Amino acid sequence: MPRLIRHTLLSARDLLASAGPFIVLGLALLAGAYLWLEPAPPRRVVLATGPENSAYAEFGKRYAEELARYGVRVELRATQGTAENLRLLRDRAQNVDLAFVQGGAGDALYAADEAHDGAALMSLGALFYEPVWLFYRADAARRDALTELGHLAGLRVNLGAEGDGAANLFAKLAHANRIAPESLVLSRLPPTPAVVAFLGGELDALVFVSAPESPLVQMLLMTPGVRLFDFAQAEAYARRFAFLSALQLPRGVVDLAADIPPADVRLIAATTRLVARADTHPALVQLFVQTAARIHGGTGWFARAGQFPIGADPELPLASEAARFYRNGAPLLQRYLPFWLANLIDRMWVALLSIVAVLIPASRIVPPLYRHRIRSRVFRWYAQLREIEEALAARTRAPAQLLVELDALDERVGRISVPLSHADELYALRSHIDLVRARLRQAGAG
């Protein structure tokens, strides 16, 4: 048994030596493809969210928890809102990879005038509605209820902190209603100080653009003496602005027992999407889109189960990896394999097939190389055997001397190890040595 194992290992060693150059070539090609394709995504990513107690901040925490399961650390960057998030994304020095961005939050009044300088951006899909919540104090209104945006003239209105997208969106709405900015007493306080000032009587109205998950929005909806503006022209706004949708806050959805609100309220809403830089790793895009489906796919005040996320974005191009998810769902391999392994195979299979297609034709030379390597151990001794024969024929050396040389040759041949499949060639050599030995003995006897 040990001898059989020795011969088997010998055969494997020779085969490995023969195929060695092709193995090295394949590994080199595979390493080059790995470096070029970069299948492994980074383990750290920066997500710009929003102010404290905002819906963006709450959602950011959930994204961090979800992606931690895959070994990706999500660093949350608190900001003042969408306008700041856009600036951070376009500024490469800020190293922000993704951010929540609400529709219509650009600085320009018209879409054609929006700035697109800096890093290229792409959308990962729409996540949820962000209604325009216009709260006002009942005692500050000069009539029973505000029915038009123009009725805000002369009131103290807070539009959010610098960097919040609410101010830019409200500017578009005011411009469409021909409301001069100087007709309003505007302030730019952050959300929490603004609510404190509002409840203290220092402000007459607040403008929030936020998901209903915002704690401040839910608190104001249930505060006595605070009213929510009813956008009677909600459908008209949705037709005028592609980034707006007409919604309805159903009666009693905030609190059924207290019947809050006491009647349906018409609202307009921007759609918040997840935006990334165009050079974000495709595997990260896939992870974030799958996470978005789990976080935002349920039912809510304005959306039915499965309505979000969606791959529609009127302002930014949709990332190809996100489009793949919305078209086919999660990649097939990720349904059965761990994410990192499935992603590696998914990203590398084309390169693997290409390498195999190159190596298979080239590998046809391995069997001849293997045979040559084995046979060369045997056939190289035929040169010395033939030299002994020629010396005998030419009588340049005595048969006894040649016989000593032949015995030495036979001893070296006896130490040759070859795989069992090539043992016939070794035994043929030894039989030829015996044949020459017989001739030498005959010549010596003569």
Protein backbone atom coordinates (compact mmCIF):
# COMPACT_ATOMS: atom_id res chain seq x y z
CA MET A 1 0.00 0.00 0.00
CA PRO A 2 2.74 2.60 0.79
CA ARG A 3 4.36 1.89 -2.59
CA LEU A 4 1.01 2.38 -4.35
CA ILE A 5 0.51 5.67 -2.51
CA ARG A 6 4.04 6.75 -3.45
CA HIS A 7 3.39 6.09 -7.13
CA THR A 8 0.02 7.86 -6.97
CA LEU A 9 1.55 10.94 -5.36
CA LEU A 10 4.33 10.85 -7.93
CA SER A 11 1.78 10.87 -10.74
CA ALA A 12 -0.10 13.76 -9.14
CA ARG A 13 3.14 15.72 -8.69
CA ASP A 14 4.08 15.28 -12.34
CA LEU A 15 0.61 16.24 -13.47
CA LEU A 16 0.68 19.35 -11.29
CA ALA A 17 4.11 20.28 -12.63
CA SER A 18 2.89 19.88 -16.22
CA ALA A 19 -0.25 21.93 -15.62
CA GLY A 20 1.56 24.47 -13.43
CA PRO A 21 1.95 27.22 -16.06
CA PHE A 22 -1.76 27.05 -16.89
CA ILE A 23 -2.74 27.13 -13.23
CA VAL A 24 -0.56 30.19 -12.69
CA LEU A 25 -2.06 31.82 -15.78
CA GLY A 26 -5.60 31.09 -14.59
CA LEU A 27 -4.90 32.48 -11.13
CA ALA A 28 -3.32 35.60 -12.63
CA LEU A 29 -6.36 36.17 -14.86
CA LEU A 30 -8.70 35.56 -11.93
CA ALA A 31 -6.79 38.03 -9.74
CA GLY A 32 -6.84 40.61 -12.51
CA ALA A 33 -10.59 40.18 -12.98
CA TYR A 34 -11.15 40.49 -9.22
CA LEU A 35 -9.17 43.74 -9.04
CA TRP A 36 -10.94 45.13 -12.08
CA LEU A 37 -14.51 44.16 -11.10
CA GLU A 38 -14.12 44.84 -7.37
CA PRO A 39 -16.88 42.38 -6.38
CA ALA A 40 -16.54 43.03 -2.65
CA PRO A 41 -18.29 46.26 -1.59
CA PRO A 42 -16.79 48.56 1.06
CA ARG A 43 -17.62 47.73 4.66
CA ARG A 44 -18.35 51.35 5.59
CA VAL A 45 -20.79 53.77 4.00
CA VAL A 46 -21.94 57.29 4.92
CA LEU A 47 -25.67 58.07 4.80
CA ALA A 48 -26.84 61.68 5.15
CA THR A 49 -30.16 61.82 6.99
CA GLY A 50 -31.74 64.94 8.47
CA PRO A 51 -32.35 66.87 11.71
CA GLU A 52 -32.86 65.19 15.07
CA ASN A 53 -36.43 63.87 15.60
CA SER A 54 -37.07 63.96 11.85
CA ALA A 55 -38.37 61.04 9.80
CA TYR A 56 -35.04 60.92 7.95
CA ALA A 57 -33.17 60.45 11.22
CA GLU A 58 -35.52 57.66 12.33
CA PHE A 59 -35.27 55.85 9.01
CA GLY A 60 -31.48 56.24 9.02
CA LYS A 61 -31.28 54.29 12.28
CA ARG A 62 -33.30 51.45 10.77
CA TYR A 63 -31.06 51.31 7.70
CA ALA A 64 -27.99 51.12 9.96
CA GLU A 65 -29.51 48.23 11.91
CA GLU A 66 -30.50 46.31 8.78
CA LEU A 67 -27.16 46.65 6.99
CA ALA A 68 -25.22 45.73 10.10
CA ARG A 69 -26.53 42.19 9.52
CA TYR A 70 -24.42 42.07 6.36
CA GLY A 71 -21.30 43.45 8.00
CA VAL A 72 -21.74 46.95 6.51
CA ARG A 73 -21.33 49.82 8.97
CA VAL A 74 -23.62 52.73 8.08
CA GLU A 75 -22.33 56.01 9.41
CA LEU A 76 -25.24 58.44 9.81
CA ARG A 77 -24.50 62.08 8.99
CA ALA A 78 -27.04 64.42 10.64
CA THR A 79 -27.96 67.39 8.43
CA GLN A 80 -30.55 70.15 8.25
CA GLY A 81 -32.39 68.39 5.44
CA THR A 82 -32.60 67.73 1.73
CA ALA A 83 -30.92 70.86 0.39
CA GLU A 84 -27.85 70.19 2.51
CA ASN A 85 -27.94 66.51 1.58
CA LEU A 86 -27.76 67.38 -2.11
CA ARG A 87 -24.79 69.67 -1.54
CA LEU A 88 -22.97 66.98 0.45
CA LEU A 89 -23.55 64.37 -2.24
CA ARG A 90 -22.22 66.59 -5.01
CA ASP A 91 -19.17 67.65 -3.00
CA ARG A 92 -16.65 64.79 -3.31
CA ALA A 93 -14.64 66.14 -0.38
CA GLN A 94 -17.52 65.37 2.02
CA ASN A 95 -17.34 61.58 1.38
CA VAL A 96 -21.12 61.14 1.62
CA ASP A 97 -22.25 58.06 -0.34
CA LEU A 98 -26.04 58.15 -0.03
CA ALA A 99 -28.71 60.49 1.27
CA PHE A 100 -32.45 60.95 1.64
CA VAL A 101 -33.62 63.59 -0.83
CA GLN A 102 -37.15 64.91 -1.21
CA GLY A 103 -38.53 65.85 -4.60
CA GLY A 104 -38.64 69.51 -5.52
CA ALA A 105 -36.03 70.52 -2.97
CA GLY A 106 -33.63 72.08 -5.48
CA ASP A 107 -32.71 75.73 -5.23
CA ALA A 108 -34.16 76.78 -8.59
CA LEU A 109 -37.81 77.68 -9.15
CA TYR A 110 -37.87 75.82 -12.48
CA ALA A 111 -36.57 72.31 -13.14
CA ALA A 112 -34.63 73.51 -16.19
CA ASP A 113 -32.60 75.85 -13.99
CA GLU A 114 -31.54 73.23 -11.45
CA ALA A 115 -27.76 72.94 -10.97
CA HIS A 116 -26.19 69.54 -11.68
CA ASP A 117 -22.54 70.35 -11.19
CA GLY A 118 -20.29 68.24 -8.98
CA ALA A 119 -20.46 64.47 -8.59
CA ALA A 120 -23.03 62.70 -10.77
CA LEU A 121 -26.01 61.34 -8.83
CA MET A 122 -28.43 58.48 -9.37
CA SER A 123 -31.70 57.47 -7.74
CA LEU A 124 -32.29 54.18 -5.95
CA GLY A 125 -36.04 54.67 -6.10
CA ALA A 126 -38.86 56.50 -4.33
CA LEU A 127 -39.33 55.47 -0.70
CA PHE A 128 -42.33 57.25 0.78
CA TYR A 129 -44.54 60.32 0.58
CA GLU A 130 -43.58 63.46 2.45
CA PRO A 131 -46.66 65.66 2.71
CA VAL A 132 -46.40 69.42 3.03
CA TRP A 133 -47.67 69.98 6.55
CA LEU A 134 -48.74 73.59 6.98
CA PHE A 135 -49.74 74.02 10.62
CA TYR A 136 -51.17 77.29 11.88
CA ARG A 137 -52.54 78.49 15.17
CA ALA A 138 -56.29 79.01 15.13
CA ASP A 139 -56.00 82.23 17.15
CA ALA A 140 -53.52 83.68 14.63
CA ALA A 141 -55.75 83.23 11.58
CA ARG A 142 -57.75 86.28 10.57
CA ARG A 143 -60.65 84.05 9.50
CA ASP A 144 -62.13 80.73 10.60
CA ALA A 145 -59.68 78.76 8.50
CA LEU A 146 -56.97 79.41 5.94
CA THR A 147 -58.19 78.21 2.56
CA GLU A 148 -55.49 79.66 0.27
CA LEU A 149 -51.75 80.09 0.58
CA GLY A 150 -52.29 83.79 -0.03
CA HIS A 151 -54.04 84.00 3.36
CA LEU A 152 -50.60 83.61 4.98
CA ALA A 153 -49.80 87.23 4.09
CA GLY A 154 -48.67 89.13 7.15
CA LEU A 155 -48.25 85.99 9.29
CA ARG A 156 -45.05 84.82 10.91
CA VAL A 157 -44.12 81.63 9.05
CA ASN A 158 -41.20 79.32 9.71
CA LEU A 159 -39.81 77.38 6.73
CA GLY A 160 -37.18 75.27 8.48
CA ALA A 161 -33.47 75.68 9.03
CA GLU A 162 -30.95 76.57 6.34
CA GLY A 163 -30.31 73.41 4.36
CA ASP A 164 -33.86 72.11 4.77
CA GLY A 165 -35.61 71.42 1.46
CA ALA A 166 -38.95 72.71 2.76
CA ALA A 167 -37.99 76.33 2.05
CA ASN A 168 -37.13 75.60 -1.59
CA LEU A 169 -40.33 73.62 -2.10
CA PHE A 170 -42.46 76.33 -0.47
CA ALA A 171 -40.77 78.92 -2.67
CA LYS A 172 -42.01 77.04 -5.75
CA LEU A 173 -45.54 76.88 -4.33
CA ALA A 174 -45.51 80.59 -3.41
CA HIS A 175 -44.24 81.53 -6.86
CA ALA A 176 -47.04 79.52 -8.50
CA ASN A 177 -49.56 81.38 -6.32
CA ARG A 178 -47.97 84.76 -7.08
CA ILE A 179 -47.15 85.31 -3.40
CA ALA A 180 -44.38 87.86 -2.92
CA PRO A 181 -41.83 86.71 -0.33
CA GLU A 182 -41.88 90.14 1.31
CA SER A 183 -45.58 89.70 2.11
CA LEU A 184 -44.65 87.01 4.65
CA VAL A 185 -42.69 87.31 7.87
CA LEU A 186 -40.34 84.38 7.30
CA SER A 187 -37.99 82.69 9.76
CA ARG A 188 -35.56 79.76 9.42
CA LEU A 189 -35.52 77.98 12.78
CA PRO A 190 -34.68 74.27 13.11
CA PRO A 191 -37.69 71.98 13.68
CA THR A 192 -37.61 71.59 17.48
CA PRO A 193 -36.96 75.28 18.34
CA ALA A 194 -39.57 76.25 15.74
CA VAL A 195 -42.24 74.08 17.40
CA VAL A 196 -41.38 75.57 20.81
CA ALA A 197 -41.70 79.10 19.38
CA PHE A 198 -44.92 78.15 17.59
CA LEU A 199 -46.57 76.79 20.71
CA GLY A 200 -45.31 79.81 22.67
CA GLY A 201 -47.07 82.21 20.33
CA GLU A 202 -43.92 83.59 18.69
CA LEU A 203 -44.84 82.05 15.31
CA ASP A 204 -48.17 81.85 13.51
CA ALA A 205 -47.48 79.00 11.08
CA LEU A 206 -45.02 76.19 10.46
CA VAL A 207 -44.14 74.45 7.21
CA PHE A 208 -42.87 70.89 7.47
CA VAL A 209 -42.16 68.55 4.57
CA SER A 210 -41.88 65.25 6.35
CA ALA A 211 -43.24 61.72 6.56
CA PRO A 212 -45.98 61.18 9.15
CA GLU A 213 -43.50 59.10 11.19
CA SER A 214 -41.95 62.38 12.37
CA PRO A 215 -42.61 62.74 16.12
CA LEU A 216 -43.08 66.51 15.76
CA VAL A 217 -45.73 66.09 13.07
CA GLN A 218 -47.66 63.55 15.11
CA MET A 219 -47.50 65.77 18.18
CA LEU A 220 -48.79 68.84 16.32
CA LEU A 221 -51.64 66.85 14.76
CA MET A 222 -52.92 66.12 18.26
CA THR A 223 -52.27 69.54 19.82
CA PRO A 224 -55.45 71.54 20.61
CA GLY A 225 -55.63 74.93 18.93
CA VAL A 226 -53.36 73.84 16.05
CA ARG A 227 -54.93 73.43 12.62
CA LEU A 228 -53.68 71.70 9.48
CA PHE A 229 -54.00 73.54 6.17
CA ASP A 230 -56.35 71.82 3.69
CA PHE A 231 -54.96 72.03 0.12
CA ALA A 232 -58.21 72.35 -1.78
CA GLN A 233 -56.23 72.59 -5.06
CA ALA A 234 -54.16 69.46 -4.38
CA GLU A 235 -54.89 67.91 -7.78
CA ALA A 236 -53.92 71.12 -9.56
CA TYR A 237 -50.57 71.19 -7.72
CA ALA A 238 -49.91 67.57 -8.71
CA ARG A 239 -50.55 68.44 -12.38
CA ARG A 240 -48.32 71.50 -12.26
CA PHE A 241 -45.34 69.87 -10.51
CA ALA A 242 -44.11 66.41 -11.53
CA PHE A 243 -42.52 65.82 -8.12
CA LEU A 244 -45.80 66.35 -6.21
CA SER A 245 -48.70 63.98 -5.56
CA ALA A 246 -52.21 64.69 -4.31
CA LEU A 247 -53.01 62.81 -1.10
CA GLN A 248 -55.79 62.64 1.43
CA LEU A 249 -55.36 62.33 5.19
CA PRO A 250 -58.34 60.18 6.15
CA ARG A 251 -60.65 61.19 8.96
CA GLY A 252 -59.65 59.59 12.25
CA VAL A 253 -56.37 58.10 10.98
CA VAL A 254 -54.31 59.95 13.61
CA ASP A 255 -56.54 58.95 16.53
CA LEU A 256 -59.72 56.96 15.91
CA ALA A 257 -61.05 57.36 19.45
CA ALA A 258 -60.61 61.16 19.45
CA ASP A 259 -61.63 61.42 15.76
CA ILE A 260 -58.45 63.24 14.70
CA PRO A 261 -58.63 64.73 12.17
CA PRO A 262 -62.40 65.35 12.32
CA ALA A 263 -62.65 65.40 8.51
CA ASP A 264 -60.62 64.29 5.49
CA VAL A 265 -57.76 66.70 4.78
CA ARG A 266 -56.41 67.19 1.26
CA LEU A 267 -52.64 67.38 1.11
CA ILE A 268 -49.86 67.64 -1.43
CA ALA A 269 -46.74 65.54 -0.98
CA ALA A 270 -43.26 65.29 -2.34
CA THR A 271 -41.80 61.82 -2.81
CA THR A 272 -38.59 61.12 -0.97
CA ARG A 273 -36.06 58.93 -2.71
CA LEU A 274 -32.76 57.43 -1.79
CA VAL A 275 -30.00 59.09 -3.83
CA ALA A 276 -26.43 57.85 -4.27
CA ARG A 277 -23.38 58.94 -6.17
CA ALA A 278 -23.02 57.38 -9.59
CA ASP A 279 -19.79 55.63 -8.53
CA THR A 280 -21.37 53.85 -5.55
CA HIS A 281 -20.53 50.14 -5.53
CA PRO A 282 -23.31 48.11 -7.25
CA ALA A 283 -23.44 45.61 -4.38
CA LEU A 284 -24.14 48.46 -1.95
CA VAL A 285 -26.91 49.71 -4.25
CA GLN A 286 -28.43 46.23 -4.24
CA LEU A 287 -28.20 46.02 -0.44
CA PHE A 288 -29.83 49.43 0.09
CA VAL A 289 -32.65 48.75 -2.34
CA GLN A 290 -33.43 45.41 -0.69
CA THR A 291 -33.36 47.12 2.70
CA ALA A 292 -35.67 49.85 1.41
CA ALA A 293 -38.18 47.20 0.34
CA ARG A 294 -38.23 45.78 3.86
CA ILE A 295 -38.45 49.15 5.62
CA HIS A 296 -40.84 51.02 3.34
CA GLY A 297 -42.84 48.16 1.84
CA GLY A 298 -45.54 48.09 4.52
CA THR A 299 -48.80 49.97 4.77
CA GLY A 300 -49.03 53.51 6.14
CA TRP A 301 -51.21 56.57 6.34
CA PHE A 302 -50.85 57.27 2.63
CA ALA A 303 -49.42 54.12 1.03
CA ARG A 304 -50.71 50.59 0.67
CA ALA A 305 -48.57 47.54 1.34
CA GLY A 306 -46.08 47.00 -1.47
CA GLN A 307 -46.58 50.44 -3.04
CA PHE A 308 -43.07 51.56 -2.04
CA PRO A 309 -40.27 51.56 -2.93
CA ILE A 310 -40.75 52.18 -6.65
CA GLY A 311 -38.27 52.89 -9.43
CA ALA A 312 -39.90 56.10 -10.65
CA ASP A 313 -38.00 59.37 -10.36
CA PRO A 314 -38.77 62.41 -12.52
CA GLU A 315 -35.61 64.24 -11.50
CA LEU A 316 -32.71 61.73 -11.46
CA PRO A 317 -31.77 58.64 -13.50
CA LEU A 318 -32.41 55.28 -11.86
CA ALA A 319 -29.34 53.19 -10.96
CA SER A 320 -29.04 50.10 -13.17
CA GLU A 321 -28.72 47.78 -10.15
CA ALA A 322 -31.85 49.31 -8.63
CA ALA A 323 -33.72 48.90 -11.93
CA ARG A 324 -32.67 45.25 -11.92
CA PHE A 325 -34.20 44.80 -8.45
CA TYR A 326 -37.49 46.49 -9.35
CA ARG A 327 -37.70 44.39 -12.51
CA ASN A 328 -36.74 40.94 -11.16
CA GLY A 329 -36.54 41.18 -7.38
CA ALA A 330 -33.50 40.09 -5.41
CA PRO A 331 -30.88 38.18 -7.46
CA LEU A 332 -31.54 34.42 -7.57
CA LEU A 333 -28.34 33.41 -5.79
CA GLN A 334 -29.03 35.76 -2.88
CA ARG A 335 -32.21 33.84 -2.12
CA TYR A 336 -30.21 30.71 -1.31
CA LEU A 337 -26.65 31.80 -0.46
CA PRO A 338 -25.15 34.32 1.97
CA PHE A 339 -25.02 37.79 0.47
CA TRP A 340 -21.22 38.03 0.19
CA LEU A 341 -20.86 34.67 -1.57
CA ALA A 342 -23.84 35.31 -3.86
CA ASN A 343 -22.51 38.76 -4.74
CA LEU A 344 -19.04 37.37 -5.49
CA ILE A 345 -20.46 34.76 -7.87
CA ASP A 346 -22.89 37.22 -9.42
CA ARG A 347 -20.15 39.74 -10.13
CA MET A 348 -17.48 37.26 -11.20
CA TRP A 349 -19.31 34.62 -13.25
CA VAL A 350 -18.76 36.37 -16.59
CA ALA A 351 -15.04 36.68 -15.87
CA LEU A 352 -14.90 33.04 -14.74
CA LEU A 353 -16.55 31.85 -17.94
CA SER A 354 -14.16 33.94 -20.01
CA ILE A 355 -11.13 32.53 -18.19
CA VAL A 356 -12.40 28.97 -18.61
CA ALA A 357 -13.05 29.61 -22.30
CA VAL A 358 -9.40 30.67 -22.69
CA LEU A 359 -7.86 27.91 -20.57
CA ILE A 360 -9.77 24.91 -21.94
CA PRO A 361 -8.26 25.06 -25.46
CA ALA A 362 -4.83 25.85 -24.00
CA SER A 363 -5.06 22.94 -21.56
CA ARG A 364 -5.00 20.41 -24.41
CA ILE A 365 -1.23 20.64 -24.34
CA VAL A 366 -1.11 19.37 -20.72
CA PRO A 367 -1.42 15.61 -21.51
CA PRO A 368 1.47 15.69 -24.07
CA LEU A 369 3.59 17.64 -21.61
CA TYR A 370 2.82 15.13 -18.89
CA ARG A 371 3.75 12.17 -21.11
CA HIS A 372 6.94 13.89 -22.25
CA ARG A 373 7.91 14.63 -18.64
CA ILE A 374 7.50 10.98 -17.60
CA ARG A 375 9.06 9.41 -20.68
CA SER A 376 12.07 11.74 -20.55
CA ARG A 377 13.12 10.07 -17.30
CA VAL A 378 13.40 6.77 -19.10
CA PHE A 379 14.50 7.71 -22.60
CA ARG A 380 17.44 9.86 -21.55
CA TRP A 381 19.26 6.65 -20.43
CA TYR A 382 19.02 5.21 -23.90
CA ALA A 383 21.77 7.62 -24.99
CA GLN A 384 24.26 6.00 -22.58
CA LEU A 385 23.07 2.54 -23.51
CA ARG A 386 23.62 3.28 -27.17
CA GLU A 387 27.06 4.72 -26.43
CA ILE A 388 28.03 1.43 -24.78
CA GLU A 389 26.80 -0.49 -27.82
CA GLU A 390 28.74 1.72 -30.20
CA ALA A 391 31.89 1.35 -28.09
CA LEU A 392 31.48 -2.44 -28.28
CA ALA A 393 31.08 -2.33 -32.05
CA ALA A 394 34.09 -0.04 -32.53
CA ARG A 395 36.16 -1.99 -29.95
CA THR A 396 37.36 1.27 -28.39
CA ARG A 397 37.01 -0.23 -24.89
CA ALA A 398 37.24 -3.73 -23.56
CA PRO A 399 33.99 -5.65 -22.99
CA ALA A 400 34.78 -6.02 -19.28
CA GLN A 401 35.09 -2.25 -18.89
CA LEU A 402 31.85 -1.72 -20.81
CA LEU A 403 30.16 -4.30 -18.61
CA VAL A 404 31.11 -2.27 -15.51
CA GLU A 405 29.64 0.86 -17.10
CA LEU A 406 26.48 -1.06 -17.98
CA ASP A 407 26.06 -2.34 -14.43
CA ALA A 408 26.37 1.22 -13.15
CA LEU A 409 23.75 2.33 -15.68
CA ASP A 410 21.45 -0.52 -14.60
CA GLU A 411 21.81 0.52 -10.97
CA ARG A 412 20.81 4.13 -11.73
CA VAL A 413 17.85 2.98 -13.84
CA GLY A 414 16.72 0.82 -10.94
CA ARG A 415 16.26 3.96 -8.84
CA ILE A 416 13.94 5.62 -11.40
CA SER A 417 10.35 6.12 -10.20
CA VAL A 418 7.57 6.47 -12.74
CA PRO A 419 3.77 6.26 -12.47
CA LEU A 420 2.34 2.79 -12.94
CA SER A 421 0.77 3.84 -16.22
CA HIS A 422 4.28 4.29 -17.68
CA ALA A 423 5.96 1.27 -16.03
CA ASP A 424 6.06 -0.59 -19.37
CA GLU A 425 8.59 1.90 -20.76
CA LEU A 426 10.83 1.45 -17.68
CA TYR A 427 10.69 -2.33 -18.00
CA ALA A 428 11.44 -2.06 -21.72
CA LEU A 429 14.61 -0.09 -20.89
CA ARG A 430 15.71 -2.70 -18.34
CA SER A 431 15.12 -5.50 -20.84
CA HIS A 432 17.24 -3.65 -23.39
CA ILE A 433 19.99 -3.28 -20.76
CA ASP A 434 19.86 -7.06 -20.21
CA LEU A 435 20.09 -7.56 -23.96
CA VAL A 436 23.24 -5.43 -24.21
CA ARG A 437 24.67 -7.19 -21.14
CA ALA A 438 24.27 -10.53 -22.86
CA ARG A 439 26.11 -9.26 -25.91
CA LEU A 440 28.93 -7.89 -23.76
CA ARG A 441 29.33 -11.20 -21.96
CA GLN A 442 29.36 -13.04 -25.30
CA ALA A 443 31.97 -10.69 -26.64
CA GLY A 444 34.08 -11.07 -23.49
CA ALA A 445 33.89 -14.85 -23.65
CA GLY A 446 34.98 -14.80 -27.32
